[in-house]
């Protein structure tokens, strides 16, 4: 079913738009079960927030790239702070970084969340002994995105062609669907060392990250 010519509004009855989205849910369950489940929740969930599995979310390259981007930001901060630390002293570093995510077209993540945000809150302690600085801490990653059908004009859905974003907006206006918040959280730990080089404030840093497993 190709719905073409729809602009900001479809001009179609809410019942017809409801039937379209429910057919998408039914035909997508075997191919994209998570996306189908979230579209179904949009139709019947009453606006209640939903939590995504961190394992499922991190299976997508776009999410891992955002996570890596924030981790590297922390690593640069830690290396700079280590170079300033005096022998025999310790310090804390607390900060957060945000990374915007654009899901790759055709992945299931794209049908769940086209654009989202990963906020990484880090807390670390640094201790210097001689030329070496030891670092340890945790980063709490919080991924979130409103499921709202508000970005863009069209989305391509297999077996249905180009479906206007306006369908979702009109169903919300007709009280046939409710926007809701999607989110996911996971924690990583960091162990690292910084070794002072021959030149002042020059050094070599090594970092090791590990995911704290919270799922069975």
C-alpha atoms as a PDB file:
ATOM      1  CA  UNK A   1       0.000   0.000   0.000  1.00  0.00           C
ATOM      2  CA  UNK A   2       1.624   3.234  -1.137  1.00  0.00           C
ATOM      3  CA  UNK A   3       0.234   6.367   0.486  1.00  0.00           C
ATOM      4  CA  UNK A   4       1.428   9.194  -1.714  1.00  0.00           C
ATOM      5  CA  UNK A   5       0.574  12.849  -1.836  1.00  0.00           C
ATOM      6  CA  UNK A   6       0.148  13.250   1.929  1.00  0.00           C
ATOM      7  CA  UNK A   7       1.638  16.499   3.210  1.00  0.00           C
ATOM      8  CA  UNK A   8       1.298  17.931   6.698  1.00  0.00           C
ATOM      9  CA  UNK A   9      -2.107  16.278   6.979  1.00  0.00           C
ATOM     10  CA  UNK A  10      -3.425  13.179   5.277  1.00  0.00           C
ATOM     11  CA  UNK A  11      -7.075  14.173   4.994  1.00  0.00           C
ATOM     12  CA  UNK A  12      -8.028  10.540   5.699  1.00  0.00           C
ATOM     13  CA  UNK A  13     -10.399   9.294   8.437  1.00  0.00           C
ATOM     14  CA  UNK A  14      -8.778   8.260  11.710  1.00  0.00           C
ATOM     15  CA  UNK A  15     -10.202   4.751  11.321  1.00  0.00           C
ATOM     16  CA  UNK A  16      -8.374   4.286   8.030  1.00  0.00           C
ATOM     17  CA  UNK A  17      -5.110   5.523   9.515  1.00  0.00           C
ATOM     18  CA  UNK A  18      -5.578   3.254  12.534  1.00  0.00           C
ATOM     19  CA  UNK A  19      -6.097   0.275  10.228  1.00  0.00           C
ATOM     20  CA  UNK A  20      -2.903   1.155   8.330  1.00  0.00           C
ATOM     21  CA  UNK A  21      -0.735   1.174  11.453  1.00  0.00           C
ATOM     22  CA  UNK A  22      -2.293  -2.027  12.788  1.00  0.00           C
ATOM     23  CA  UNK A  23      -1.580  -3.757   9.483  1.00  0.00           C
ATOM     24  CA  UNK A  24       2.040  -2.596   9.770  1.00  0.00           C
ATOM     25  CA  UNK A  25       2.201  -4.125  13.257  1.00  0.00           C
ATOM     26  CA  UNK A  26       0.762  -7.448  12.082  1.00  0.00           C
ATOM     27  CA  UNK A  27       3.003  -7.755   9.020  1.00  0.00           C
ATOM     28  CA  UNK A  28       6.187  -6.662  10.778  1.00  0.00           C
ATOM     29  CA  UNK A  29       6.220  -8.991  13.783  1.00  0.00           C
ATOM     30  CA  UNK A  30       8.248 -11.735  12.108  1.00  0.00           C
ATOM     31  CA  UNK A  31      10.806  -9.349  10.566  1.00  0.00           C
ATOM     32  CA  UNK A  32      11.097  -6.528  13.128  1.00  0.00           C
ATOM     33  CA  UNK A  33       9.418  -7.769  16.317  1.00  0.00           C
ATOM     34  CA  UNK A  34      10.708  -4.994  18.581  1.00  0.00           C
ATOM     35  CA  UNK A  35       9.640  -2.239  16.169  1.00  0.00           C
ATOM     36  CA  UNK A  36       6.236  -3.894  15.788  1.00  0.00           C
ATOM     37  CA  UNK A  37       5.857  -4.110  19.569  1.00  0.00           C
ATOM     38  CA  UNK A  38       6.653  -0.419  20.016  1.00  0.00           C
ATOM     39  CA  UNK A  39       4.256   0.649  17.261  1.00  0.00           C
ATOM     40  CA  UNK A  40       1.602  -1.500  18.918  1.00  0.00           C
ATOM     41  CA  UNK A  41       2.372   0.226  22.242  1.00  0.00           C
ATOM     42  CA  UNK A  42       2.001   3.590  20.508  1.00  0.00           C
ATOM     43  CA  UNK A  43      -1.501   2.540  19.505  1.00  0.00           C
ATOM     44  CA  UNK A  44      -2.602   0.918  22.770  1.00  0.00           C
ATOM     45  CA  UNK A  45      -0.122   1.761  25.530  1.00  0.00           C
ATOM     46  CA  UNK A  46      -1.776   4.907  26.864  1.00  0.00           C
ATOM     47  CA  UNK A  47       1.503   6.845  26.821  1.00  0.00           C
ATOM     48  CA  UNK A  48       3.340   4.680  29.369  1.00  0.00           C
ATOM     49  CA  UNK A  49       7.119   4.810  28.989  1.00  0.00           C
ATOM     50  CA  UNK A  50       8.987   1.744  27.723  1.00  0.00           C
ATOM     51  CA  UNK A  51      12.448   0.444  28.555  1.00  0.00           C
ATOM     52  CA  UNK A  52      14.606  -1.188  25.885  1.00  0.00           C
ATOM     53  CA  UNK A  53      17.016  -4.009  26.560  1.00  0.00           C
ATOM     54  CA  UNK A  54      20.591  -2.625  26.723  1.00  0.00           C
ATOM     55  CA  UNK A  55      21.832  -5.787  25.016  1.00  0.00           C
ATOM     56  CA  UNK A  56      19.440  -5.306  22.091  1.00  0.00           C
ATOM     57  CA  UNK A  57      20.173  -1.598  21.854  1.00  0.00           C
ATOM     58  CA  UNK A  58      23.956  -2.025  21.905  1.00  0.00           C
ATOM     59  CA  UNK A  59      23.752  -4.594  19.122  1.00  0.00           C
ATOM     60  CA  UNK A  60      23.451  -1.644  16.703  1.00  0.00           C
ATOM     61  CA  UNK A  61      26.563   0.042  15.389  1.00  0.00           C
ATOM     62  CA  UNK A  62      25.073   3.532  15.700  1.00  0.00           C
ATOM     63  CA  UNK A  63      24.629   3.063  19.451  1.00  0.00           C
ATOM     64  CA  UNK A  64      28.124   1.647  19.949  1.00  0.00           C
ATOM     65  CA  UNK A  65      29.636   4.536  17.980  1.00  0.00           C
ATOM     66  CA  UNK A  66      27.850   7.074  20.209  1.00  0.00           C
ATOM     67  CA  UNK A  67      29.047   5.209  23.286  1.00  0.00           C
ATOM     68  CA  UNK A  68      32.617   5.172  21.958  1.00  0.00           C
ATOM     69  CA  UNK A  69      32.447   8.892  21.187  1.00  0.00           C
ATOM     70  CA  UNK A  70      31.540   9.741  24.780  1.00  0.00           C
ATOM     71  CA  UNK A  71      34.108   7.311  26.178  1.00  0.00           C
ATOM     72  CA  UNK A  72      36.885   8.944  24.153  1.00  0.00           C
ATOM     73  CA  UNK A  73      35.803  12.337  25.449  1.00  0.00           C
ATOM     74  CA  UNK A  74      36.237  11.058  29.002  1.00  0.00           C
ATOM     75  CA  UNK A  75      39.600   9.528  28.141  1.00  0.00           C
ATOM     76  CA  UNK A  76      40.906  12.858  26.820  1.00  0.00           C
ATOM     77  CA  UNK A  77      39.689  14.614  29.959  1.00  0.00           C
ATOM     78  CA  UNK A  78      41.301  12.040  32.210  1.00  0.00           C
ATOM     79  CA  UNK A  79      44.629  12.232  30.384  1.00  0.00           C
ATOM     80  CA  UNK A  80      44.678  16.029  30.736  1.00  0.00           C
ATOM     81  CA  UNK A  81      43.772  15.839  34.426  1.00  0.00           C
ATOM     82  CA  UNK A  82      46.430  13.192  35.052  1.00  0.00           C
ATOM     83  CA  UNK A  83      49.087  15.462  33.561  1.00  0.00           C
ATOM     84  CA  UNK A  84      48.167  18.234  36.024  1.00  0.00           C
ATOM     85  CA  UNK A  85      48.211  16.013  39.110  1.00  0.00           C
ATOM     86  CA  UNK A  86      51.117  16.355  41.546  1.00  0.00           C
ATOM     87  CA  UNK A  87      52.934  13.396  43.076  1.00  0.00           C
ATOM     88  CA  UNK A  88      51.168  11.930  46.103  1.00  0.00           C
ATOM     89  CA  UNK A  89      47.826  13.609  45.433  1.00  0.00           C
ATOM     90  CA  UNK A  90      44.396  12.479  44.277  1.00  0.00           C
ATOM     91  CA  UNK A  91      41.448  14.152  42.592  1.00  0.00           C
ATOM     92  CA  UNK A  92      37.925  13.466  41.367  1.00  0.00           C
ATOM     93  CA  UNK A  93      36.540  14.062  37.895  1.00  0.00           C
ATOM     94  CA  UNK A  94      32.779  14.270  37.353  1.00  0.00           C
ATOM     95  CA  UNK A  95      31.246  15.252  34.038  1.00  0.00           C
ATOM     96  CA  UNK A  96      28.761  14.193  31.362  1.00  0.00           C
ATOM     97  CA  UNK A  97      28.713  14.065  27.566  1.00  0.00           C
ATOM     98  CA  UNK A  98      25.865  13.828  25.073  1.00  0.00           C
ATOM     99  CA  UNK A  99      26.072  12.075  21.707  1.00  0.00           C
ATOM    100  CA  UNK A 100      23.355  12.346  19.074  1.00  0.00           C
ATOM    101  CA  UNK A 101      22.420   9.170  17.217  1.00  0.00           C
ATOM    102  CA  UNK A 102      21.065   8.745  13.702  1.00  0.00           C
ATOM    103  CA  UNK A 103      19.994   5.153  13.097  1.00  0.00           C
ATOM    104  CA  UNK A 104      21.002   3.535   9.824  1.00  0.00           C
ATOM    105  CA  UNK A 105      18.126   3.181   7.356  1.00  0.00           C
ATOM    106  CA  UNK A 106      16.883  -0.382   7.076  1.00  0.00           C
ATOM    107  CA  UNK A 107      17.946  -1.487  10.572  1.00  0.00           C
ATOM    108  CA  UNK A 108      15.296  -2.313  13.135  1.00  0.00           C
ATOM    109  CA  UNK A 109      16.604   0.528  15.297  1.00  0.00           C
ATOM    110  CA  UNK A 110      15.620   2.918  12.492  1.00  0.00           C
ATOM    111  CA  UNK A 111      11.988   1.787  12.805  1.00  0.00           C
ATOM    112  CA  UNK A 112      12.084   2.138  16.587  1.00  0.00           C
ATOM    113  CA  UNK A 113      14.052   5.379  16.843  1.00  0.00           C
ATOM    114  CA  UNK A 114      15.361   7.342  13.881  1.00  0.00           C
ATOM    115  CA  UNK A 115      17.120  10.004  15.995  1.00  0.00           C
ATOM    116  CA  UNK A 116      17.974   9.737  19.678  1.00  0.00           C
ATOM    117  CA  UNK A 117      20.421  10.829  22.378  1.00  0.00           C
ATOM    118  CA  UNK A 118      22.944   9.008  24.556  1.00  0.00           C
ATOM    119  CA  UNK A 119      23.860  10.857  27.762  1.00  0.00           C
ATOM    120  CA  UNK A 120      26.899   9.490  29.590  1.00  0.00           C
ATOM    121  CA  UNK A 121      27.506  10.559  33.196  1.00  0.00           C
ATOM    122  CA  UNK A 122      31.007   9.775  34.441  1.00  0.00           C
ATOM    123  CA  UNK A 123      32.612   9.766  37.886  1.00  0.00           C
ATOM    124  CA  UNK A 124      36.316   8.965  38.288  1.00  0.00           C
ATOM    125  CA  UNK A 125      39.113   9.096  40.864  1.00  0.00           C
ATOM    126  CA  UNK A 126      42.749   9.720  39.910  1.00  0.00           C
ATOM    127  CA  UNK A 127      45.764   9.057  42.181  1.00  0.00           C
ATOM    128  CA  UNK A 128      49.386   9.848  41.363  1.00  0.00           C
ATOM    129  CA  UNK A 129      52.385   7.943  42.667  1.00  0.00           C
ATOM    130  CA  UNK A 130      55.673   9.040  41.143  1.00  0.00           C
ATOM    131  CA  UNK A 131      55.384   9.097  37.362  1.00  0.00           C
ATOM    132  CA  UNK A 132      52.217   6.972  37.289  1.00  0.00           C
ATOM    133  CA  UNK A 133      48.601   8.015  37.696  1.00  0.00           C
ATOM    134  CA  UNK A 134      45.977   5.339  38.315  1.00  0.00           C
ATOM    135  CA  UNK A 135      42.407   6.030  37.277  1.00  0.00           C
ATOM    136  CA  UNK A 136      39.146   4.227  37.979  1.00  0.00           C
ATOM    137  CA  UNK A 137      35.464   5.025  37.806  1.00  0.00           C
ATOM    138  CA  UNK A 138      32.070   4.380  36.279  1.00  0.00           C
ATOM    139  CA  UNK A 139      30.048   5.802  33.411  1.00  0.00           C
ATOM    140  CA  UNK A 140      26.257   5.587  33.510  1.00  0.00           C
ATOM    141  CA  UNK A 141      24.834   5.649  30.004  1.00  0.00           C
ATOM    142  CA  UNK A 142      21.245   6.813  29.547  1.00  0.00           C
ATOM    143  CA  UNK A 143      19.721   6.430  26.085  1.00  0.00           C
ATOM    144  CA  UNK A 144      16.370   8.113  25.473  1.00  0.00           C
ATOM    145  CA  UNK A 145      14.033   9.269  22.742  1.00  0.00           C
ATOM    146  CA  UNK A 146      10.332  10.240  22.589  1.00  0.00           C
ATOM    147  CA  UNK A 147       8.281   7.976  20.318  1.00  0.00           C
ATOM    148  CA  UNK A 148       6.343  10.774  18.679  1.00  0.00           C
ATOM    149  CA  UNK A 149       6.270  10.516  14.844  1.00  0.00           C
ATOM    150  CA  UNK A 150       7.251  14.192  14.623  1.00  0.00           C
ATOM    151  CA  UNK A 151      10.476  14.213  12.592  1.00  0.00           C
ATOM    152  CA  UNK A 152      10.553  14.301   8.824  1.00  0.00           C
ATOM    153  CA  UNK A 153       7.786  13.825   6.243  1.00  0.00           C
ATOM    154  CA  UNK A 154       7.966  10.181   5.239  1.00  0.00           C
ATOM    155  CA  UNK A 155       9.310   6.857   6.392  1.00  0.00           C
ATOM    156  CA  UNK A 156       9.749   3.832   4.169  1.00  0.00           C
ATOM    157  CA  UNK A 157       8.159   0.712   5.660  1.00  0.00           C
ATOM    158  CA  UNK A 158       8.557  -2.635   3.870  1.00  0.00           C
ATOM    159  CA  UNK A 159       5.332  -3.856   2.221  1.00  0.00           C
ATOM    160  CA  UNK A 160       3.736  -0.433   2.789  1.00  0.00           C
ATOM    161  CA  UNK A 161       6.015   1.903   0.876  1.00  0.00           C
ATOM    162  CA  UNK A 162       6.392   5.552   1.875  1.00  0.00           C
ATOM    163  CA  UNK A 163       4.195   6.218   4.889  1.00  0.00           C
ATOM    164  CA  UNK A 164       3.684   9.859   5.908  1.00  0.00           C
ATOM    165  CA  UNK A 165       4.825  10.927   9.369  1.00  0.00           C
ATOM    166  CA  UNK A 166       1.515  12.829   9.508  1.00  0.00           C
ATOM    167  CA  UNK A 167      -0.325   9.529  10.086  1.00  0.00           C
ATOM    168  CA  UNK A 168       1.155   9.250  13.582  1.00  0.00           C
ATOM    169  CA  UNK A 169       0.484  12.880  14.428  1.00  0.00           C
ATOM    170  CA  UNK A 170      -3.141  12.667  13.317  1.00  0.00           C
ATOM    171  CA  UNK A 171      -3.747   9.495  15.324  1.00  0.00           C
ATOM    172  CA  UNK A 172      -2.473  11.283  18.434  1.00  0.00           C
ATOM    173  CA  UNK A 173      -4.709  14.266  17.703  1.00  0.00           C
ATOM    174  CA  UNK A 174      -7.684  11.918  17.291  1.00  0.00           C
ATOM    175  CA  UNK A 175      -6.801  10.233  20.630  1.00  0.00           C
ATOM    176  CA  UNK A 176      -6.254   6.920  18.840  1.00  0.00           C
ATOM    177  CA  UNK A 177      -2.593   6.755  19.885  1.00  0.00           C
ATOM    178  CA  UNK A 178      -0.270   8.231  22.515  1.00  0.00           C
ATOM    179  CA  UNK A 179       3.336   9.394  22.348  1.00  0.00           C
ATOM    180  CA  UNK A 180       5.625   7.866  24.960  1.00  0.00           C
ATOM    181  CA  UNK A 181       9.204   7.922  26.195  1.00  0.00           C
ATOM    182  CA  UNK A 182      11.669   5.199  25.227  1.00  0.00           C
ATOM    183  CA  UNK A 183      14.789   4.757  27.341  1.00  0.00           C
ATOM    184  CA  UNK A 184      17.539   2.372  28.307  1.00  0.00           C
ATOM    185  CA  UNK A 185      20.360   2.451  30.856  1.00  0.00           C
ATOM    186  CA  UNK A 186      23.610   0.579  31.270  1.00  0.00           C
ATOM    187  CA  UNK A 187      26.829   1.062  33.222  1.00  0.00           C
ATOM    188  CA  UNK A 188      30.479   0.689  32.272  1.00  0.00           C
ATOM    189  CA  UNK A 189      33.530   0.671  34.500  1.00  0.00           C
ATOM    190  CA  UNK A 190      36.935   2.112  33.665  1.00  0.00           C
ATOM    191  CA  UNK A 191      40.418   1.172  34.857  1.00  0.00           C
ATOM    192  CA  UNK A 192      43.319   3.131  33.453  1.00  0.00           C
ATOM    193  CA  UNK A 193      46.877   4.334  33.913  1.00  0.00           C
ATOM    194  CA  UNK A 194      48.764   7.403  32.767  1.00  0.00           C
ATOM    195  CA  UNK A 195      52.560   7.372  32.689  1.00  0.00           C
ATOM    196  CA  UNK A 196      54.484  10.619  32.581  1.00  0.00           C
ATOM    197  CA  UNK A 197      56.756  11.097  29.572  1.00  0.00           C
ATOM    198  CA  UNK A 198      60.103  12.825  29.304  1.00  0.00           C
ATOM    199  CA  UNK A 199      58.581  16.139  28.254  1.00  0.00           C
ATOM    200  CA  UNK A 200      56.566  18.093  30.842  1.00  0.00           C
ATOM    201  CA  UNK A 201      52.857  17.245  30.785  1.00  0.00           C
ATOM    202  CA  UNK A 202      53.392  14.610  28.096  1.00  0.00           C
ATOM    203  CA  UNK A 203      52.412  11.075  28.896  1.00  0.00           C
ATOM    204  CA  UNK A 204      50.989   7.799  27.673  1.00  0.00           C
ATOM    205  CA  UNK A 205      47.544   6.633  28.779  1.00  0.00           C
ATOM    206  CA  UNK A 206      45.923   3.202  28.635  1.00  0.00           C
ATOM    207  CA  UNK A 207      42.258   2.510  29.362  1.00  0.00           C
ATOM    208  CA  UNK A 208      40.223  -0.648  29.851  1.00  0.00           C
ATOM    209  CA  UNK A 209      36.420  -0.548  29.760  1.00  0.00           C
ATOM    210  CA  UNK A 210      33.974  -3.221  30.920  1.00  0.00           C
ATOM    211  CA  UNK A 211      30.189  -3.435  30.785  1.00  0.00           C
ATOM    212  CA  UNK A 212      28.429  -4.109  34.079  1.00  0.00           C
ATOM    213  CA  UNK A 213      26.076  -6.980  33.283  1.00  0.00           C
ATOM    214  CA  UNK A 214      22.595  -6.488  34.694  1.00  0.00           C
ATOM    215  CA  UNK A 215      20.644  -8.839  32.401  1.00  0.00           C
ATOM    216  CA  UNK A 216      20.492 -12.613  32.482  1.00  0.00           C
END
